[in-house]
PDB file of N, CA and C in Angstrom:
ATOM      1  N   MET A   1      25.549 -21.908 -20.292  1.00  0.00           N
ATOM      2  CA  MET A   1      24.698 -20.765 -20.052  1.00  0.00           C
ATOM      3  C   MET A   1      24.809 -20.381 -18.579  1.00  0.00           C
ATOM      4  N   SER A   2      25.048 -19.106 -18.279  1.00  0.00           N
ATOM      5  CA  SER A   2      25.191 -18.664 -16.897  1.00  0.00           C
ATOM      6  C   SER A   2      23.936 -17.934 -16.429  1.00  0.00           C
ATOM      7  N   VAL A   3      23.714 -17.997 -15.144  1.00  0.00           N
ATOM      8  CA  VAL A   3      22.570 -17.320 -14.534  1.00  0.00           C
ATOM      9  C   VAL A   3      23.045 -15.971 -14.019  1.00  0.00           C
ATOM     10  N   SER A   4      22.265 -14.920 -14.278  1.00  0.00           N
ATOM     11  CA  SER A   4      22.666 -13.584 -13.827  1.00  0.00           C
ATOM     12  C   SER A   4      22.603 -13.491 -12.307  1.00  0.00           C
ATOM     13  N   LYS A   5      23.297 -12.516 -11.759  1.00  0.00           N
ATOM     14  CA  LYS A   5      23.286 -12.302 -10.313  1.00  0.00           C
ATOM     15  C   LYS A   5      21.884 -11.970  -9.814  1.00  0.00           C
ATOM     16  N   ALA A   6      21.083 -11.300 -10.637  1.00  0.00           N
ATOM     17  CA  ALA A   6      19.736 -10.903 -10.229  1.00  0.00           C
ATOM     18  C   ALA A   6      18.850 -12.108  -9.934  1.00  0.00           C
ATOM     19  N   ALA A   7      19.176 -13.261 -10.498  1.00  0.00           N
ATOM     20  CA  ALA A   7      18.362 -14.457 -10.289  1.00  0.00           C
ATOM     21  C   ALA A   7      18.603 -15.080  -8.921  1.00  0.00           C
ATOM     22  N   HIS A   8      19.663 -14.686  -8.247  1.00  0.00           N
ATOM     23  CA  HIS A   8      19.991 -15.255  -6.948  1.00  0.00           C
ATOM     24  C   HIS A   8      19.458 -14.356  -5.838  1.00  0.00           C
ATOM     25  N   PRO A   9      18.819 -14.934  -4.836  1.00  0.00           N
ATOM     26  CA  PRO A   9      18.321 -14.115  -3.725  1.00  0.00           C
ATOM     27  C   PRO A   9      19.472 -13.519  -2.927  1.00  0.00           C
ATOM     28  N   ALA A  10      19.196 -12.406  -2.268  1.00  0.00           N
ATOM     29  CA  ALA A  10      20.201 -11.763  -1.421  1.00  0.00           C
ATOM     30  C   ALA A  10      20.493 -12.661  -0.223  1.00  0.00           C
ATOM     31  N   PRO A  11      21.716 -12.613   0.274  1.00  0.00           N
ATOM     32  CA  PRO A  11      22.057 -13.413   1.452  1.00  0.00           C
ATOM     33  C   PRO A  11      21.174 -13.042   2.647  1.00  0.00           C
ATOM     34  N   GLN A  12      20.987 -13.993   3.547  1.00  0.00           N
ATOM     35  CA  GLN A  12      20.185 -13.780   4.750  1.00  0.00           C
ATOM     36  C   GLN A  12      20.662 -12.536   5.490  1.00  0.00           C
ATOM     37  N   GLY A  13      19.747 -11.665   5.888  1.00  0.00           N
ATOM     38  CA  GLY A  13      20.089 -10.481   6.660  1.00  0.00           C
ATOM     39  C   GLY A  13      20.409  -9.259   5.827  1.00  0.00           C
ATOM     40  N   VAL A  14      20.540  -9.398   4.510  1.00  0.00           N
ATOM     41  CA  VAL A  14      20.840  -8.258   3.647  1.00  0.00           C
ATOM     42  C   VAL A  14      19.526  -7.599   3.239  1.00  0.00           C
ATOM     43  N   ASP A  15      19.495  -6.259   3.234  1.00  0.00           N
ATOM     44  CA  ASP A  15      18.288  -5.497   2.894  1.00  0.00           C
ATOM     45  C   ASP A  15      18.577  -4.662   1.646  1.00  0.00           C
ATOM     46  N   PRO A  16      18.583  -5.296   0.458  1.00  0.00           N
ATOM     47  CA  PRO A  16      19.015  -4.598  -0.753  1.00  0.00           C
ATOM     48  C   PRO A  16      18.130  -3.424  -1.161  1.00  0.00           C
ATOM     49  N   PHE A  17      16.881  -3.402  -0.739  1.00  0.00           N
ATOM     50  CA  PHE A  17      15.981  -2.313  -1.120  1.00  0.00           C
ATOM     51  C   PHE A  17      15.740  -1.322   0.012  1.00  0.00           C
ATOM     52  N   GLY A  18      16.400  -1.501   1.127  1.00  0.00           N
ATOM     53  CA  GLY A  18      16.288  -0.566   2.240  1.00  0.00           C
ATOM     54  C   GLY A  18      14.904  -0.523   2.868  1.00  0.00           C
ATOM     55  N   THR A  19      14.249  -1.662   2.956  1.00  0.00           N
ATOM     56  CA  THR A  19      12.889  -1.691   3.490  1.00  0.00           C
ATOM     57  C   THR A  19      12.823  -1.987   4.988  1.00  0.00           C
ATOM     58  N   ALA A  20      13.944  -2.254   5.605  1.00  0.00           N
ATOM     59  CA  ALA A  20      13.938  -2.618   7.027  1.00  0.00           C
ATOM     60  C   ALA A  20      13.365  -1.496   7.885  1.00  0.00           C
ATOM     61  N   GLY A  21      13.731  -0.266   7.605  1.00  0.00           N
ATOM     62  CA  GLY A  21      13.215   0.868   8.377  1.00  0.00           C
ATOM     63  C   GLY A  21      11.716   1.039   8.208  1.00  0.00           C
ATOM     64  N   LEU A  22      11.255   0.902   6.989  1.00  0.00           N
ATOM     65  CA  LEU A  22       9.822   0.999   6.707  1.00  0.00           C
ATOM     66  C   LEU A  22       9.065  -0.118   7.427  1.00  0.00           C
ATOM     67  N   ARG A  23       9.584  -1.321   7.304  1.00  0.00           N
ATOM     68  CA  ARG A  23       8.964  -2.473   7.965  1.00  0.00           C
ATOM     69  C   ARG A  23       8.898  -2.252   9.471  1.00  0.00           C
ATOM     70  N   ARG A  24      10.001  -1.792  10.063  1.00  0.00           N
ATOM     71  CA  ARG A  24      10.051  -1.554  11.508  1.00  0.00           C
ATOM     72  C   ARG A  24       9.028  -0.491  11.910  1.00  0.00           C
ATOM     73  N   GLY A  25       8.916   0.581  11.113  1.00  0.00           N
ATOM     74  CA  GLY A  25       7.952   1.638  11.420  1.00  0.00           C
ATOM     75  C   GLY A  25       6.517   1.146  11.395  1.00  0.00           C
ATOM     76  N   VAL A  26       6.197   0.329  10.404  1.00  0.00           N
ATOM     77  CA  VAL A  26       4.838  -0.223  10.308  1.00  0.00           C
ATOM     78  C   VAL A  26       4.555  -1.148  11.491  1.00  0.00           C
ATOM     79  N   LEU A  27       5.500  -2.018  11.798  1.00  0.00           N
ATOM     80  CA  LEU A  27       5.301  -2.931  12.932  1.00  0.00           C
ATOM     81  C   LEU A  27       5.159  -2.171  14.248  1.00  0.00           C
ATOM     82  N   ASP A  28       5.934  -1.102  14.416  1.00  0.00           N
ATOM     83  CA  ASP A  28       5.818  -0.281  15.627  1.00  0.00           C
ATOM     84  C   ASP A  28       4.448   0.391  15.700  1.00  0.00           C
ATOM     85  N   ALA A  29       3.962   0.894  14.557  1.00  0.00           N
ATOM     86  CA  ALA A  29       2.643   1.537  14.525  1.00  0.00           C
ATOM     87  C   ALA A  29       1.551   0.532  14.877  1.00  0.00           C
ATOM     88  N   TRP A  30       1.655  -0.672  14.351  1.00  0.00           N
ATOM     89  CA  TRP A  30       0.656  -1.700  14.655  1.00  0.00           C
ATOM     90  C   TRP A  30       0.717  -2.106  16.123  1.00  0.00           C
ATOM     91  N   THR A  31       1.927  -2.191  16.664  1.00  0.00           N
ATOM     92  CA  THR A  31       2.080  -2.552  18.069  1.00  0.00           C
ATOM     93  C   THR A  31       1.475  -1.481  18.970  1.00  0.00           C
ATOM     94  N   GLY A  32       1.616  -0.233  18.577  1.00  0.00           N
ATOM     95  CA  GLY A  32       1.118   0.883  19.375  1.00  0.00           C
ATOM     96  C   GLY A  32      -0.368   1.138  19.246  1.00  0.00           C
ATOM     97  N   SER A  33      -1.004   0.591  18.211  1.00  0.00           N
ATOM     98  CA  SER A  33      -2.419   0.882  17.998  1.00  0.00           C
ATOM     99  C   SER A  33      -3.116  -0.276  17.295  1.00  0.00           C
ATOM    100  N   ALA A  34      -3.947  -0.977  18.055  1.00  0.00           N
ATOM    101  CA  ALA A  34      -4.716  -2.073  17.457  1.00  0.00           C
ATOM    102  C   ALA A  34      -5.666  -1.538  16.394  1.00  0.00           C
ATOM    103  N   ALA A  35      -6.178  -0.318  16.592  1.00  0.00           N
ATOM    104  CA  ALA A  35      -7.086   0.284  15.608  1.00  0.00           C
ATOM    105  C   ALA A  35      -6.356   0.512  14.287  1.00  0.00           C
ATOM    106  N   ARG A  36      -5.101   0.947  14.355  1.00  0.00           N
ATOM    107  CA  ARG A  36      -4.319   1.172  13.136  1.00  0.00           C
ATOM    108  C   ARG A  36      -4.117  -0.140  12.387  1.00  0.00           C
ATOM    109  N   PHE A  37      -3.814  -1.202  13.122  1.00  0.00           N
ATOM    110  CA  PHE A  37      -3.652  -2.510  12.490  1.00  0.00           C
ATOM    111  C   PHE A  37      -4.943  -2.914  11.789  1.00  0.00           C
ATOM    112  N   ARG A  38      -6.078  -2.761  12.475  1.00  0.00           N
ATOM    113  CA  ARG A  38      -7.372  -3.155  11.900  1.00  0.00           C
ATOM    114  C   ARG A  38      -7.686  -2.313  10.661  1.00  0.00           C
ATOM    115  N   GLU A  39      -7.400  -0.994  10.706  1.00  0.00           N
ATOM    116  CA  GLU A  39      -7.626  -0.121   9.549  1.00  0.00           C
ATOM    117  C   GLU A  39      -6.793  -0.573   8.357  1.00  0.00           C
ATOM    118  N   ASP A  40      -5.526  -0.864   8.593  1.00  0.00           N
ATOM    119  CA  ASP A  40      -4.647  -1.298   7.506  1.00  0.00           C
ATOM    120  C   ASP A  40      -5.092  -2.645   6.941  1.00  0.00           C
ATOM    121  N   ALA A  41      -5.490  -3.557   7.826  1.00  0.00           N
ATOM    122  CA  ALA A  41      -5.952  -4.870   7.372  1.00  0.00           C
ATOM    123  C   ALA A  41      -7.231  -4.733   6.548  1.00  0.00           C
ATOM    124  N   ASN A  42      -8.142  -3.872   6.989  1.00  0.00           N
ATOM    125  CA  ASN A  42      -9.381  -3.655   6.238  1.00  0.00           C
ATOM    126  C   ASN A  42      -9.100  -3.031   4.878  1.00  0.00           C
ATOM    127  N   ALA A  43      -8.185  -2.070   4.830  1.00  0.00           N
ATOM    128  CA  ALA A  43      -7.840  -1.432   3.556  1.00  0.00           C
ATOM    129  C   ALA A  43      -7.227  -2.445   2.594  1.00  0.00           C
ATOM    130  N   GLU A  44      -6.362  -3.305   3.107  1.00  0.00           N
ATOM    131  CA  GLU A  44      -5.747  -4.329   2.260  1.00  0.00           C
ATOM    132  C   GLU A  44      -6.794  -5.311   1.747  1.00  0.00           C
ATOM    133  N   GLU A  45      -7.722  -5.681   2.608  1.00  0.00           N
ATOM    134  CA  GLU A  45      -8.785  -6.592   2.187  1.00  0.00           C
ATOM    135  C   GLU A  45      -9.659  -5.944   1.109  1.00  0.00           C
ATOM    136  N   ASP A  46      -9.990  -4.663   1.273  1.00  0.00           N
ATOM    137  CA  ASP A  46     -10.782  -3.953   0.265  1.00  0.00           C
ATOM    138  C   ASP A  46     -10.087  -3.974  -1.086  1.00  0.00           C
ATOM    139  N   LEU A  47      -8.780  -3.721  -1.088  1.00  0.00           N
ATOM    140  CA  LEU A  47      -8.034  -3.736  -2.347  1.00  0.00           C
ATOM    141  C   LEU A  47      -8.000  -5.131  -2.956  1.00  0.00           C
ATOM    142  N   ALA A  48      -7.818  -6.135  -2.116  1.00  0.00           N
ATOM    143  CA  ALA A  48      -7.755  -7.512  -2.615  1.00  0.00           C
ATOM    144  C   ALA A  48      -9.090  -7.967  -3.190  1.00  0.00           C
ATOM    145  N   LEU A  49     -10.171  -7.426  -2.664  1.00  0.00           N
ATOM    146  CA  LEU A  49     -11.503  -7.846  -3.103  1.00  0.00           C
ATOM    147  C   LEU A  49     -12.102  -6.948  -4.174  1.00  0.00           C
ATOM    148  N   GLY A  50     -11.327  -6.026  -4.699  1.00  0.00           N
ATOM    149  CA  GLY A  50     -11.859  -5.229  -5.801  1.00  0.00           C
ATOM    150  C   GLY A  50     -11.562  -3.754  -5.734  1.00  0.00           C
ATOM    151  N   GLY A  51     -10.897  -3.313  -4.712  1.00  0.00           N
ATOM    152  CA  GLY A  51     -10.500  -1.913  -4.646  1.00  0.00           C
ATOM    153  C   GLY A  51     -11.675  -0.956  -4.703  1.00  0.00           C
ATOM    154  N   TYR A  52     -11.664  -0.099  -5.716  1.00  0.00           N
ATOM    155  CA  TYR A  52     -12.683   0.937  -5.855  1.00  0.00           C
ATOM    156  C   TYR A  52     -13.904   0.464  -6.636  1.00  0.00           C
ATOM    157  N   ARG A  53     -13.991  -0.800  -6.938  1.00  0.00           N
ATOM    158  CA  ARG A  53     -15.075  -1.307  -7.769  1.00  0.00           C
ATOM    159  C   ARG A  53     -16.438  -0.784  -7.324  1.00  0.00           C
ATOM    160  N   ASP A  54     -16.731  -0.852  -6.037  1.00  0.00           N
ATOM    161  CA  ASP A  54     -18.030  -0.434  -5.527  1.00  0.00           C
ATOM    162  C   ASP A  54     -18.148   1.079  -5.381  1.00  0.00           C
ATOM    163  N   ARG A  55     -17.061   1.792  -5.524  1.00  0.00           N
ATOM    164  CA  ARG A  55     -17.069   3.237  -5.331  1.00  0.00           C
ATOM    165  C   ARG A  55     -16.874   4.004  -6.632  1.00  0.00           C
ATOM    166  N   LEU A  56     -16.912   3.326  -7.755  1.00  0.00           N
ATOM    167  CA  LEU A  56     -16.607   3.961  -9.029  1.00  0.00           C
ATOM    168  C   LEU A  56     -17.457   5.196  -9.280  1.00  0.00           C
ATOM    169  N   VAL A  57     -18.765   5.101  -9.157  1.00  0.00           N
ATOM    170  CA  VAL A  57     -19.651   6.230  -9.437  1.00  0.00           C
ATOM    171  C   VAL A  57     -19.399   7.360  -8.445  1.00  0.00           C
ATOM    172  N   VAL A  58     -19.223   7.028  -7.177  1.00  0.00           N
ATOM    173  CA  VAL A  58     -18.955   8.044  -6.158  1.00  0.00           C
ATOM    174  C   VAL A  58     -17.649   8.763  -6.461  1.00  0.00           C
ATOM    175  N   GLU A  59     -16.605   8.015  -6.805  1.00  0.00           N
ATOM    176  CA  GLU A  59     -15.309   8.620  -7.116  1.00  0.00           C
ATOM    177  C   GLU A  59     -15.387   9.509  -8.352  1.00  0.00           C
ATOM    178  N   LEU A  60     -16.087   9.058  -9.381  1.00  0.00           N
ATOM    179  CA  LEU A  60     -16.239   9.878 -10.590  1.00  0.00           C
ATOM    180  C   LEU A  60     -16.991  11.164 -10.282  1.00  0.00           C
ATOM    181  N   ALA A  61     -18.050  11.082  -9.496  1.00  0.00           N
ATOM    182  CA  ALA A  61     -18.811  12.281  -9.124  1.00  0.00           C
ATOM    183  C   ALA A  61     -17.947  13.233  -8.311  1.00  0.00           C
ATOM    184  N   GLN A  62     -17.162  12.699  -7.386  1.00  0.00           N
ATOM    185  CA  GLN A  62     -16.289  13.547  -6.575  1.00  0.00           C
ATOM    186  C   GLN A  62     -15.216  14.207  -7.430  1.00  0.00           C
ATOM    187  N   ASN A  63     -14.646  13.459  -8.366  1.00  0.00           N
ATOM    188  CA  ASN A  63     -13.649  14.036  -9.272  1.00  0.00           C
ATOM    189  C   ASN A  63     -14.256  15.152 -10.105  1.00  0.00           C
ATOM    190  N   ALA A  64     -15.489  14.959 -10.582  1.00  0.00           N
ATOM    191  CA  ALA A  64     -16.164  15.995 -11.369  1.00  0.00           C
ATOM    192  C   ALA A  64     -16.435  17.225 -10.511  1.00  0.00           C
ATOM    193  N   ALA A  65     -16.871  17.027  -9.280  1.00  0.00           N
ATOM    194  CA  ALA A  65     -17.126  18.152  -8.378  1.00  0.00           C
ATOM    195  C   ALA A  65     -15.838  18.904  -8.074  1.00  0.00           C
ATOM    196  N   ASP A  66     -14.754  18.185  -7.850  1.00  0.00           N
ATOM    197  CA  ASP A  66     -13.459  18.826  -7.594  1.00  0.00           C
ATOM    198  C   ASP A  66     -13.002  19.636  -8.797  1.00  0.00           C
ATOM    199  N   ALA A  67     -13.155  19.077  -9.990  1.00  0.00           N
ATOM    200  CA  ALA A  67     -12.757  19.788 -11.213  1.00  0.00           C
ATOM    201  C   ALA A  67     -13.613  21.033 -11.409  1.00  0.00           C
ATOM    202  N   ALA A  68     -14.906  20.935 -11.141  1.00  0.00           N
ATOM    203  CA  ALA A  68     -15.798  22.094 -11.280  1.00  0.00           C
ATOM    204  C   ALA A  68     -15.429  23.181 -10.284  1.00  0.00           C
ATOM    205  N   ALA A  69     -15.086  22.793  -9.067  1.00  0.00           N
ATOM    206  CA  ALA A  69     -14.692  23.769  -8.047  1.00  0.00           C
ATOM    207  C   ALA A  69     -13.406  24.482  -8.442  1.00  0.00           C
ATOM    208  N   ARG A  70     -12.461  23.747  -9.025  1.00  0.00           N
ATOM    209  CA  ARG A  70     -11.204  24.378  -9.466  1.00  0.00           C
ATOM    210  C   ARG A  70     -11.442  25.324 -10.630  1.00  0.00           C
ATOM    211  N   ALA A  71     -12.382  24.964 -11.499  1.00  0.00           N
ATOM    212  CA  ALA A  71     -12.662  25.787 -12.682  1.00  0.00           C
ATOM    213  C   ALA A  71     -13.436  27.045 -12.308  1.00  0.00           C
ATOM    214  N   GLY A  72     -14.105  27.028 -11.176  1.00  0.00           N
ATOM    215  CA  GLY A  72     -14.850  28.200 -10.718  1.00  0.00           C
ATOM    216  C   GLY A  72     -16.222  28.151 -11.191  1.00  0.00           C
TER     217      GLY A  72
END
């Protein structure tokens, strides 16, 4: 039985999904702004701890208001 190529990790230094530029941009943004880093960290923590769980009613009300405004 043979193992497919997909099961093997890419060699060191290879960026098969082209994420190096994205990663570099994020790191540069964090280096340039401590506030940006803190905002991103807080957003990630919110998602990890339940995302919109505490905002469900607010989000539903806002969606209804937006739909009503579009409908006239």
